[in-house]
Amino acid sequence: MPRAKHGAVEIEYETFGDPAHDAVLLINGLGSQMTRWPAPFCETLVARGLFAIRFDNRDVGLSTWCEGQTYTVDDMAADGAAVLDAVGKSAAHIVGVSMGGMIAQVFACLFPARTLSLTSIMSNTGNPDLPPPTQPALEALMARPASPSDPNFIADSVARAVTIGSPGFPWPTGALAERARAEAARAFNPPGVQRQMSAVRATGDRRARLAGITAPTLVLHGADDPLVPVEGGRDTAASIPGAELRIVPGMGHDLPPALYDTFVDAIHRSVERTRAPESAQPANA
């Protein structure tokens, strides 16, 4: 696969669809590889007339592992800009989930001319007063098996995914186990997860920066998210001028197949807001 370059960092990426169409840059969450935007999901975006781009953040997957280095969410946002450069796109619709939502928000702050729209999903603002994760969700986030050779690796991976997942949208039988196997075979870099976490902590409260975002923005959040409680979505929408908020009952902190259409509809709503004047004020739920 091709790679983009941002200084010494190389970013693995993949595209779907016609590059002549509007681009959607898909940004992943903490420790997650670009395959968390599954190919069938990307093809659903293509069916809506979009050019989908997914990539591995630094320190995960097949992108550069930054051993012995520190970096910030701003650096990770600039990685996304390098991906756009590599595919020849001056601007894109920027979409991020969880930590990827934080990166997407910062991208919109750093590169307003390159941000056609912003869709921030199951993320927050870094506001220290927001409710924390539930204890089981926090334990699921922090508990990492030593290696894929651990005999409990698959079962533990599935259990963590279920803990933070969507109670109203369960995964098909066996799908989470297959995902865990495929991800472990592709790449496994626990120290990189810790460096990404440090980058998020170093960024702190982003609300003052978010107030300067001018791109049409949609905030999507699960009503039942145990890892980033729904108040984080409400705070994000309140911090970005004109942002539209959509809260989904039964949605937790994941992207199961049953929610593909919900995510794609949210992204497409952001795209539509760049193409026609708003006929009404943003609807917050």
Protein backbone atom coordinates (compact mmCIF):
# COMPACT_ATOMS: atom_id res chain seq x y z
CA MET A 1 0.00 0.00 0.00
CA PRO A 2 1.12 3.62 -0.47
CA ARG A 3 2.57 5.74 2.30
CA ALA A 4 2.44 9.45 3.04
CA LYS A 5 5.39 11.23 4.64
CA HIS A 6 5.32 13.82 7.41
CA GLY A 7 8.92 14.50 8.29
CA ALA A 8 10.41 11.23 9.52
CA VAL A 9 6.96 9.68 10.02
CA GLU A 10 5.46 7.50 7.29
CA ILE A 11 1.71 6.98 7.26
CA GLU A 12 0.12 3.90 5.72
CA TYR A 13 -3.13 4.68 3.91
CA GLU A 14 -5.71 3.18 1.56
CA THR A 15 -8.35 4.74 -0.69
CA PHE A 16 -11.73 3.64 -1.98
CA GLY A 17 -13.70 5.07 -4.90
CA ASP A 18 -13.18 7.71 -7.53
CA PRO A 19 -10.50 10.30 -6.59
CA ALA A 20 -12.39 12.87 -8.62
CA HIS A 21 -15.14 12.83 -6.00
CA ASP A 22 -15.19 14.71 -2.69
CA ALA A 23 -12.81 13.08 -0.22
CA VAL A 24 -13.64 11.81 3.26
CA LEU A 25 -10.64 11.44 5.56
CA LEU A 26 -11.36 8.78 8.20
CA ILE A 27 -9.34 9.05 11.44
CA ASN A 28 -9.11 6.22 13.97
CA GLY A 29 -9.27 6.09 17.73
CA LEU A 30 -6.72 5.17 20.38
CA GLY A 31 -4.61 2.18 19.39
CA SER A 32 -6.93 1.22 16.54
CA GLN A 33 -5.80 0.44 13.02
CA MET A 34 -7.35 1.83 9.85
CA THR A 35 -9.15 -1.49 9.41
CA ARG A 36 -11.52 -0.32 12.17
CA TRP A 37 -13.05 1.56 9.23
CA PRO A 38 -13.90 -1.74 7.50
CA ALA A 39 -13.82 -1.99 3.72
CA PRO A 40 -17.62 -2.58 3.53
CA PHE A 41 -18.14 0.66 5.48
CA CYS A 42 -15.82 2.55 3.12
CA GLU A 43 -17.67 1.10 0.14
CA THR A 44 -20.92 2.43 1.60
CA LEU A 45 -19.39 5.92 1.49
CA VAL A 46 -18.32 5.28 -2.11
CA ALA A 47 -21.93 4.37 -2.94
CA ARG A 48 -22.87 7.87 -1.72
CA GLY A 49 -20.51 9.40 -4.30
CA LEU A 50 -17.54 9.97 -1.98
CA PHE A 51 -13.83 9.13 -2.14
CA ALA A 52 -12.94 7.40 1.13
CA ILE A 53 -9.45 7.56 2.66
CA ARG A 54 -8.46 5.55 5.72
CA PHE A 55 -5.03 5.48 7.35
CA ASP A 56 -3.06 4.15 10.30
CA ASN A 57 -2.25 6.85 12.82
CA ARG A 58 1.41 7.05 13.81
CA ASP A 59 2.34 4.41 16.38
CA VAL A 60 -0.25 1.91 15.22
CA GLY A 61 -0.68 -0.56 12.39
CA LEU A 62 1.80 -0.23 9.54
CA SER A 63 2.62 3.45 10.05
CA THR A 64 5.84 4.53 11.78
CA TRP A 65 6.22 3.44 15.40
CA CYS A 66 7.67 6.38 17.31
CA GLU A 67 9.83 4.60 19.87
CA GLY A 68 11.53 6.96 22.30
CA GLN A 69 9.66 9.98 20.93
CA THR A 70 6.88 12.26 22.12
CA TYR A 71 4.34 14.03 19.97
CA THR A 72 1.01 15.84 20.19
CA VAL A 73 -2.46 15.59 18.73
CA ASP A 74 -1.44 18.54 16.54
CA ASP A 75 1.30 16.34 15.06
CA MET A 76 -1.23 13.59 14.42
CA ALA A 77 -3.56 16.06 12.69
CA ALA A 78 -0.66 17.13 10.48
CA ASP A 79 -0.16 13.44 9.59
CA GLY A 80 -3.68 13.54 8.17
CA ALA A 81 -2.80 16.59 6.10
CA ALA A 82 0.18 14.68 4.73
CA VAL A 83 -2.16 11.89 3.65
CA LEU A 84 -4.28 14.41 1.76
CA ASP A 85 -1.13 15.69 0.08
CA ALA A 86 -0.20 12.15 -0.93
CA VAL A 87 -3.57 11.53 -2.60
CA GLY A 88 -3.60 14.94 -4.24
CA LYS A 89 -6.52 16.41 -2.33
CA SER A 90 -6.41 20.03 -1.21
CA ALA A 91 -9.36 19.53 1.16
CA ALA A 92 -11.64 16.82 2.53
CA HIS A 93 -14.55 16.07 4.81
CA ILE A 94 -12.79 15.23 8.09
CA VAL A 95 -14.24 12.40 10.19
CA GLY A 96 -12.87 11.00 13.44
CA VAL A 97 -13.94 8.57 16.15
CA SER A 98 -12.92 8.82 19.82
CA MET A 99 -9.27 9.97 19.84
CA GLY A 100 -9.72 10.31 16.08
CA GLY A 101 -12.49 12.80 16.81
CA MET A 102 -10.01 14.84 18.84
CA ILE A 103 -7.53 14.69 15.96
CA ALA A 104 -10.29 15.68 13.52
CA GLN A 105 -11.24 18.65 15.70
CA VAL A 106 -7.63 19.83 15.83
CA PHE A 107 -7.29 19.29 12.09
CA ALA A 108 -10.23 21.66 11.56
CA CYS A 109 -8.48 24.22 13.79
CA LEU A 110 -5.08 23.91 12.14
CA PHE A 111 -6.22 23.52 8.54
CA PRO A 112 -9.52 25.38 8.08
CA ALA A 113 -9.02 25.76 4.33
CA ARG A 114 -8.56 22.00 4.02
CA THR A 115 -11.63 21.13 6.10
CA LEU A 116 -14.80 20.93 4.00
CA SER A 117 -16.78 19.65 6.98
CA LEU A 118 -16.16 18.02 10.35
CA THR A 119 -17.86 14.94 11.80
CA SER A 120 -16.78 14.23 15.39
CA ILE A 121 -17.95 10.84 16.64
CA MET A 122 -17.94 9.49 20.23
CA SER A 123 -15.36 12.07 21.26
CA ASN A 124 -15.11 15.05 23.61
CA THR A 125 -13.38 18.40 24.13
CA GLY A 126 -10.79 17.54 26.77
CA ASN A 127 -12.86 19.46 29.31
CA PRO A 128 -11.58 18.17 32.69
CA ASP A 129 -15.01 18.56 34.27
CA LEU A 130 -16.69 16.00 32.00
CA PRO A 131 -17.83 12.71 33.55
CA PRO A 132 -15.17 9.97 33.47
CA PRO A 133 -15.60 6.53 31.91
CA THR A 134 -17.41 3.90 33.91
CA GLN A 135 -15.03 1.74 35.92
CA PRO A 136 -15.55 -1.37 33.72
CA ALA A 137 -14.94 0.72 30.59
CA LEU A 138 -11.79 2.25 32.04
CA GLU A 139 -10.49 -1.19 33.00
CA ALA A 140 -11.26 -2.43 29.48
CA LEU A 141 -9.29 0.46 28.01
CA MET A 142 -6.26 0.02 30.25
CA ALA A 143 -6.02 -3.79 30.35
CA ARG A 144 -3.78 -5.03 27.54
CA PRO A 145 -2.58 -8.63 27.12
CA ALA A 146 1.18 -9.09 26.86
CA SER A 147 1.08 -10.43 23.32
CA PRO A 148 -1.17 -12.20 20.82
CA SER A 149 0.52 -15.45 21.89
CA ASP A 150 -1.29 -15.20 25.23
CA PRO A 151 -3.88 -18.03 25.19
CA ASN A 152 -6.50 -15.63 26.53
CA PHE A 153 -5.76 -12.91 23.97
CA ILE A 154 -8.84 -13.41 21.78
CA ALA A 155 -11.27 -13.91 24.67
CA ASP A 156 -9.90 -10.86 26.48
CA SER A 157 -10.08 -8.74 23.32
CA VAL A 158 -13.69 -9.73 22.74
CA ALA A 159 -14.63 -9.10 26.39
CA ARG A 160 -13.14 -5.59 26.29
CA ALA A 161 -14.94 -4.81 23.05
CA VAL A 162 -18.26 -5.96 24.48
CA THR A 163 -17.73 -3.90 27.64
CA ILE A 164 -17.43 -0.62 25.74
CA GLY A 165 -19.69 -1.61 22.83
CA SER A 166 -23.24 -0.80 21.81
CA PRO A 167 -25.89 -2.65 23.83
CA GLY A 168 -28.52 -1.89 21.22
CA PHE A 169 -26.40 -3.02 18.27
CA PRO A 170 -24.62 -6.32 19.06
CA TRP A 171 -21.98 -7.71 16.72
CA PRO A 172 -22.66 -10.85 14.64
CA THR A 173 -21.50 -14.05 16.34
CA GLY A 174 -17.76 -14.53 15.96
CA ALA A 175 -17.12 -11.15 14.30
CA LEU A 176 -15.24 -9.60 17.22
CA ALA A 177 -12.99 -12.65 17.59
CA GLU A 178 -12.18 -12.57 13.89
CA ARG A 179 -11.41 -8.85 14.11
CA ALA A 180 -9.03 -9.45 17.04
CA ARG A 181 -7.19 -12.17 15.12
CA ALA A 182 -6.86 -10.06 11.99
CA GLU A 183 -5.60 -7.01 13.88
CA ALA A 184 -3.04 -9.00 15.86
CA ALA A 185 -1.73 -10.58 12.65
CA ARG A 186 -1.39 -7.17 10.99
CA ALA A 187 0.37 -5.29 13.81
CA PHE A 188 0.59 -5.16 17.62
CA ASN A 189 2.23 -2.20 19.38
CA PRO A 190 1.08 -1.61 23.00
CA PRO A 191 3.81 1.00 23.73
CA GLY A 192 2.45 3.06 20.85
CA VAL A 193 -0.96 3.13 22.55
CA GLN A 194 0.65 4.64 25.63
CA ARG A 195 2.40 7.30 23.52
CA GLN A 196 -0.90 8.15 21.82
CA MET A 197 -2.55 8.42 25.23
CA SER A 198 0.21 10.79 26.36
CA ALA A 199 -0.40 12.93 23.26
CA VAL A 200 -4.08 13.25 24.17
CA ARG A 201 -3.29 14.16 27.77
CA ALA A 202 -0.75 16.78 26.64
CA THR A 203 -3.34 18.46 24.42
CA GLY A 204 -5.64 19.20 27.35
CA ASP A 205 -8.82 21.26 27.13
CA ARG A 206 -9.56 22.17 23.50
CA ARG A 207 -12.75 24.22 23.98
CA ALA A 208 -11.12 27.60 23.30
CA ARG A 209 -9.69 26.28 20.05
CA LEU A 210 -12.95 24.65 18.99
CA ALA A 211 -14.73 28.00 19.22
CA GLY A 212 -12.79 29.05 16.12
CA ILE A 213 -13.94 26.19 13.89
CA THR A 214 -15.90 27.49 10.91
CA ALA A 215 -16.53 24.25 8.98
CA PRO A 216 -20.04 22.75 9.05
CA THR A 217 -19.90 20.29 11.92
CA LEU A 218 -21.94 17.31 13.03
CA VAL A 219 -21.35 15.61 16.40
CA LEU A 220 -22.50 12.00 16.67
CA HIS A 221 -22.56 10.24 20.03
CA GLY A 222 -24.03 7.18 21.63
CA ALA A 223 -26.48 7.64 24.48
CA ASP A 224 -25.01 4.50 26.08
CA ASP A 225 -21.29 5.18 25.62
CA PRO A 226 -19.51 3.98 28.79
CA LEU A 227 -16.00 5.06 27.73
CA VAL A 228 -16.69 8.63 26.56
CA PRO A 229 -20.03 9.47 28.19
CA VAL A 230 -22.61 11.32 26.12
CA GLU A 231 -21.90 14.56 27.97
CA GLY A 232 -18.68 14.67 25.95
CA GLY A 233 -20.67 14.84 22.73
CA ARG A 234 -22.95 17.51 24.11
CA ASP A 235 -19.94 19.57 25.21
CA THR A 236 -18.32 19.20 21.78
CA ALA A 237 -21.43 20.42 19.98
CA ALA A 238 -21.80 23.32 22.40
CA SER A 239 -18.18 24.34 21.85
CA ILE A 240 -18.25 24.49 18.02
CA PRO A 241 -20.32 27.30 16.49
CA GLY A 242 -23.34 25.98 14.56
CA ALA A 243 -22.60 22.33 15.28
CA GLU A 244 -25.41 19.83 14.90
CA LEU A 245 -25.74 17.12 17.55
CA ARG A 246 -27.12 13.63 17.03
CA ILE A 247 -27.43 11.22 19.95
CA VAL A 248 -28.16 7.57 19.16
CA PRO A 249 -29.95 5.42 21.76
CA GLY A 250 -28.34 2.04 22.23
CA MET A 251 -25.00 3.14 20.75
CA GLY A 252 -21.86 2.68 22.83
CA HIS A 253 -18.22 3.17 21.89
CA ASP A 254 -17.79 1.18 18.69
CA LEU A 255 -18.80 0.79 15.05
CA PRO A 256 -20.74 -2.48 14.69
CA PRO A 257 -22.14 -3.36 11.25
CA ALA A 258 -25.65 -2.47 12.42
CA LEU A 259 -24.51 1.16 12.80
CA TYR A 260 -22.82 1.57 9.41
CA ASP A 261 -25.82 3.39 7.94
CA THR A 262 -26.10 5.65 11.00
CA PHE A 263 -22.46 6.71 10.68
CA VAL A 264 -22.66 7.15 6.91
CA ASP A 265 -25.86 9.20 7.24
CA ALA A 266 -24.11 11.49 9.73
CA ILE A 267 -21.11 11.94 7.44
CA HIS A 268 -23.36 12.55 4.47
CA ARG A 269 -25.30 15.14 6.45
CA SER A 270 -22.03 17.01 6.99
CA VAL A 271 -21.33 16.79 3.26
CA GLU A 272 -24.80 18.11 2.43
CA ARG A 273 -24.29 21.11 4.69
CA THR A 274 -21.41 22.22 2.45
CA ARG A 275 -23.45 21.95 -0.72
CA ALA A 276 -26.64 23.87 0.04
CA PRO A 277 -27.75 26.70 2.34
CA GLU A 278 -29.26 25.62 5.61
CA SER A 279 -33.03 25.87 5.55
CA ALA A 280 -33.23 25.73 9.33
CA GLN A 281 -31.12 26.05 12.43
CA PRO A 282 -29.08 22.96 13.42
CA ALA A 283 -31.24 20.46 15.29
CA ASN A 284 -29.77 19.34 18.60
CA ALA A 285 -31.04 16.23 20.30
